[in-house]
Each structure stands twice: as structure tokens, then as C-alpha cells.
Amino acid sequence: MPTFNPWVIVWALVAMILSITGGYLWGSSATTDSIEAQQARDAKVVAMVQEASQQGAATAIAGIEVKNVTIRQQVERETRTVTDYSNCHHSDDGLLNVNAALTNSEPPSGGELPKVNSAR
């Protein structure tokens, strides 16, 4: 009958421990590589998005047209008639005139200013 060698169990345990340790180390290095690759991809996407947003902003800013429109007389007249400034809002006509000035379209009155009575 063959004799049982106790070193077989020791060598089997050592081989199993080395196998588990090697698998852990290989897996952690593969995980580190994949994390670094993902971070590189993320950085590249962020750079591309930043460049595209800067181009879009530059295009939008270049397309802005500055318009100076004065509707002073209409607003002054309304301001003089409204004495409660805590509840100060545009009237319907005043809001139409402001919107017309902002959109560079003609106001509903045909663009004529109201006649002001010079005798006060």
C-alpha cells in the first residue's frame, strides 16, 4: 500500500494560494488599465464638447445685432401718470411698444408718436 506524503497537501495549498494571489494581481492591474483608458476617453469627450460649445457660443455672439431704439416719450408719459411705483407695470400699449422695439417690427400704431399737448 502506498504511503501518504503530507507535503502533497502543503504544496497543493501553496499552489492554490499562489494561483489566487496571481489572479487577484492580474485582475487589479487589468482593472487599473481599464480605468485609465476610461478616464482618457472621458477627457477626450470633455475636450471635444468644450471645443464645440466654444464654437457655438462664438457663432451665436457673432450673430448678435445691437439695436438702439428709443421709446422715451411714451414711457415718460406713463411714468408721470402712475404715482404708485410699487405696483408699476407696463400697460398693454407700452408692452406692445417695448416688444416692437426689441423685435425691430413696427408697433400697432404705425410707428407714429402721439401728439403731446404743449399747453399744460
C-alpha atoms as a PDB file:
ATOM      1  CA  MET A   1       0.000   0.000   0.000  1.00  0.00           C
ATOM      2  CA  PRO A   2       1.387   3.432  -0.921  1.00  0.00           C
ATOM      3  CA  THR A   3       2.203   5.804   1.881  1.00  0.00           C
ATOM      4  CA  PHE A   4       0.600   9.200   2.105  1.00  0.00           C
ATOM      5  CA  ASN A   5       3.018  12.133   1.793  1.00  0.00           C
ATOM      6  CA  PRO A   6       1.887  15.188   3.881  1.00  0.00           C
ATOM      7  CA  TRP A   7       3.931  17.517   1.668  1.00  0.00           C
ATOM      8  CA  VAL A   8       1.450  16.949  -1.158  1.00  0.00           C
ATOM      9  CA  ILE A   9      -1.208  18.832   0.811  1.00  0.00           C
ATOM     10  CA  VAL A  10       1.230  21.652   1.668  1.00  0.00           C
ATOM     11  CA  TRP A  11       2.300  22.034  -1.982  1.00  0.00           C
ATOM     12  CA  ALA A  12      -1.345  21.931  -3.112  1.00  0.00           C
ATOM     13  CA  LEU A  13      -2.233  24.705  -0.632  1.00  0.00           C
ATOM     14  CA  VAL A  14       0.784  26.785  -1.711  1.00  0.00           C
ATOM     15  CA  ALA A  15      -0.157  26.341  -5.367  1.00  0.00           C
ATOM     16  CA  MET A  16      -3.743  27.329  -4.635  1.00  0.00           C
ATOM     17  CA  ILE A  17      -2.667  30.441  -2.673  1.00  0.00           C
ATOM     18  CA  LEU A  18      -0.235  31.465  -5.427  1.00  0.00           C
ATOM     19  CA  SER A  19      -2.950  30.939  -8.030  1.00  0.00           C
ATOM     20  CA  ILE A  20      -5.442  33.096  -6.131  1.00  0.00           C
ATOM     21  CA  THR A  21      -2.834  35.811  -5.483  1.00  0.00           C
ATOM     22  CA  GLY A  22      -1.753  35.851  -9.123  1.00  0.00           C
ATOM     23  CA  GLY A  23      -5.345  36.091 -10.308  1.00  0.00           C
ATOM     24  CA  TYR A  24      -6.014  38.971  -7.935  1.00  0.00           C
ATOM     25  CA  LEU A  25      -2.909  40.868  -9.040  1.00  0.00           C
ATOM     26  CA  TRP A  26      -3.649  40.304 -12.742  1.00  0.00           C
ATOM     27  CA  GLY A  27      -7.276  41.352 -12.266  1.00  0.00           C
ATOM     28  CA  SER A  28      -6.376  44.505 -10.356  1.00  0.00           C
ATOM     29  CA  SER A  29      -3.832  45.559 -12.999  1.00  0.00           C
ATOM     30  CA  ALA A  30      -6.389  44.917 -15.749  1.00  0.00           C
ATOM     31  CA  THR A  31      -8.916  46.989 -13.785  1.00  0.00           C
ATOM     32  CA  THR A  32      -6.395  49.804 -13.398  1.00  0.00           C
ATOM     33  CA  ASP A  33      -5.708  49.768 -17.141  1.00  0.00           C
ATOM     34  CA  SER A  34      -9.400  49.871 -17.968  1.00  0.00           C
ATOM     35  CA  ILE A  35      -9.973  52.741 -15.517  1.00  0.00           C
ATOM     36  CA  GLU A  36      -7.111  54.726 -17.047  1.00  0.00           C
ATOM     37  CA  ALA A  37      -8.463  54.058 -20.535  1.00  0.00           C
ATOM     38  CA  GLN A  38     -11.958  55.189 -19.467  1.00  0.00           C
ATOM     39  CA  GLN A  39     -10.522  58.374 -17.935  1.00  0.00           C
ATOM     40  CA  ALA A  40      -8.621  59.089 -21.164  1.00  0.00           C
ATOM     41  CA  ARG A  41     -11.830  58.610 -23.191  1.00  0.00           C
ATOM     42  CA  ASP A  42     -13.750  60.873 -20.797  1.00  0.00           C
ATOM     43  CA  ALA A  43     -11.074  63.583 -21.037  1.00  0.00           C
ATOM     44  CA  LYS A  44     -11.202  63.404 -24.833  1.00  0.00           C
ATOM     45  CA  VAL A  45     -15.001  63.718 -24.842  1.00  0.00           C
ATOM     46  CA  VAL A  46     -14.837  66.691 -22.449  1.00  0.00           C
ATOM     47  CA  ALA A  47     -12.300  68.427 -24.695  1.00  0.00           C
ATOM     48  CA  MET A  48     -14.466  67.823 -27.772  1.00  0.00           C
ATOM     49  CA  VAL A  49     -17.586  69.154 -26.020  1.00  0.00           C
ATOM     50  CA  GLN A  50     -15.730  72.241 -24.782  1.00  0.00           C
ATOM     51  CA  GLU A  51     -14.462  72.999 -28.272  1.00  0.00           C
ATOM     52  CA  ALA A  52     -17.908  72.534 -29.795  1.00  0.00           C
ATOM     53  CA  SER A  53     -19.546  74.736 -27.162  1.00  0.00           C
ATOM     54  CA  GLN A  54     -16.965  77.475 -27.700  1.00  0.00           C
ATOM     55  CA  GLN A  55     -17.584  77.342 -31.450  1.00  0.00           C
ATOM     56  CA  GLY A  56     -21.340  77.504 -30.894  1.00  0.00           C
ATOM     57  CA  ALA A  57     -21.007  80.424 -28.492  1.00  0.00           C
ATOM     58  CA  ALA A  58     -18.703  82.275 -30.881  1.00  0.00           C
ATOM     59  CA  THR A  59     -21.176  81.784 -33.730  1.00  0.00           C
ATOM     60  CA  ALA A  60     -24.087  82.972 -31.586  1.00  0.00           C
ATOM     61  CA  ILE A  61     -22.195  86.020 -30.319  1.00  0.00           C
ATOM     62  CA  ALA A  62     -21.124  86.926 -33.850  1.00  0.00           C
ATOM     63  CA  GLY A  63     -24.768  86.855 -34.950  1.00  0.00           C
ATOM     64  CA  ILE A  64     -25.957  89.348 -32.309  1.00  0.00           C
ATOM     65  CA  GLU A  65     -27.060  92.616 -33.829  1.00  0.00           C
ATOM     66  CA  VAL A  66     -27.145  95.576 -31.466  1.00  0.00           C
ATOM     67  CA  LYS A  67     -30.142  97.878 -31.926  1.00  0.00           C
ATOM     68  CA  ASN A  68     -30.707 101.098 -30.021  1.00  0.00           C
ATOM     69  CA  VAL A  69     -34.350 102.096 -30.069  1.00  0.00           C
ATOM     70  CA  THR A  70     -35.744 104.969 -28.059  1.00  0.00           C
ATOM     71  CA  ILE A  71     -39.349 105.000 -26.915  1.00  0.00           C
ATOM     72  CA  ARG A  72     -38.722 107.652 -24.321  1.00  0.00           C
ATOM     73  CA  GLN A  73     -41.777 109.819 -24.839  1.00  0.00           C
ATOM     74  CA  GLN A  74     -44.326 107.035 -24.463  1.00  0.00           C
ATOM     75  CA  VAL A  75     -42.721 105.668 -21.309  1.00  0.00           C
ATOM     76  CA  GLU A  76     -42.214 109.110 -19.741  1.00  0.00           C
ATOM     77  CA  ARG A  77     -45.876 109.889 -20.180  1.00  0.00           C
ATOM     78  CA  GLU A  78     -46.889 106.640 -18.488  1.00  0.00           C
ATOM     79  CA  THR A  79     -44.413 107.178 -15.681  1.00  0.00           C
ATOM     80  CA  ARG A  80     -45.855 110.577 -14.939  1.00  0.00           C
ATOM     81  CA  THR A  81     -49.393 109.196 -14.735  1.00  0.00           C
ATOM     82  CA  VAL A  82     -48.530 106.255 -12.466  1.00  0.00           C
ATOM     83  CA  THR A  83     -47.689 107.549  -8.995  1.00  0.00           C
ATOM     84  CA  ASP A  84     -47.705 104.202  -7.142  1.00  0.00           C
ATOM     85  CA  TYR A  85     -44.270 102.894  -8.104  1.00  0.00           C
ATOM     86  CA  SER A  86     -44.544  99.724  -6.005  1.00  0.00           C
ATOM     87  CA  ASN A  87     -47.196  98.477  -8.446  1.00  0.00           C
ATOM     88  CA  CYS A  88     -45.533  99.793 -11.608  1.00  0.00           C
ATOM     89  CA  HIS A  89     -46.101  97.649 -14.687  1.00  0.00           C
ATOM     90  CA  HIS A  90     -46.209  98.230 -18.413  1.00  0.00           C
ATOM     91  CA  SER A  91     -49.619  98.945 -19.828  1.00  0.00           C
ATOM     92  CA  ASP A  92     -50.760  96.804 -22.740  1.00  0.00           C
ATOM     93  CA  ASP A  93     -49.745  99.502 -25.240  1.00  0.00           C
ATOM     94  CA  GLY A  94     -46.417 100.077 -23.511  1.00  0.00           C
ATOM     95  CA  LEU A  95     -45.634  96.364 -23.582  1.00  0.00           C
ATOM     96  CA  LEU A  96     -46.510  96.212 -27.295  1.00  0.00           C
ATOM     97  CA  ASN A  97     -44.146  99.120 -27.963  1.00  0.00           C
ATOM     98  CA  VAL A  98     -41.319  97.530 -25.963  1.00  0.00           C
ATOM     99  CA  ASN A  99     -41.766  94.207 -27.780  1.00  0.00           C
ATOM    100  CA  ALA A 100     -41.890  96.004 -31.123  1.00  0.00           C
ATOM    101  CA  ALA A 101     -38.630  97.779 -30.286  1.00  0.00           C
ATOM    102  CA  LEU A 102     -36.988  94.505 -29.265  1.00  0.00           C
ATOM    103  CA  THR A 103     -38.088  92.635 -32.386  1.00  0.00           C
ATOM    104  CA  ASN A 104     -37.473  95.620 -34.693  1.00  0.00           C
ATOM    105  CA  SER A 105     -41.011  95.480 -36.027  1.00  0.00           C
ATOM    106  CA  GLU A 106     -43.481  98.258 -36.451  1.00  0.00           C
ATOM    107  CA  PRO A 107     -45.781  98.939 -33.488  1.00  0.00           C
ATOM    108  CA  PRO A 108     -49.549  98.644 -33.996  1.00  0.00           C
ATOM    109  CA  SER A 109     -49.963 102.435 -34.126  1.00  0.00           C
ATOM    110  CA  GLY A 110     -47.986 102.585 -37.378  1.00  0.00           C
ATOM    111  CA  GLY A 111     -44.900 103.989 -35.664  1.00  0.00           C
ATOM    112  CA  GLU A 112     -46.391 107.432 -35.060  1.00  0.00           C
ATOM    113  CA  LEU A 113     -45.875 109.068 -31.713  1.00  0.00           C
ATOM    114  CA  PRO A 114     -48.942 110.501 -30.023  1.00  0.00           C
ATOM    115  CA  LYS A 115     -49.438 114.237 -30.215  1.00  0.00           C
ATOM    116  CA  VAL A 116     -48.454 115.898 -26.974  1.00  0.00           C
ATOM    117  CA  ASN A 117     -50.458 118.881 -25.830  1.00  0.00           C
ATOM    118  CA  SER A 118     -47.906 121.650 -25.325  1.00  0.00           C
ATOM    119  CA  ALA A 119     -50.278 123.694 -23.147  1.00  0.00           C
ATOM    120  CA  ARG A 120     -50.077 122.282 -19.647  1.00  0.00           C
END
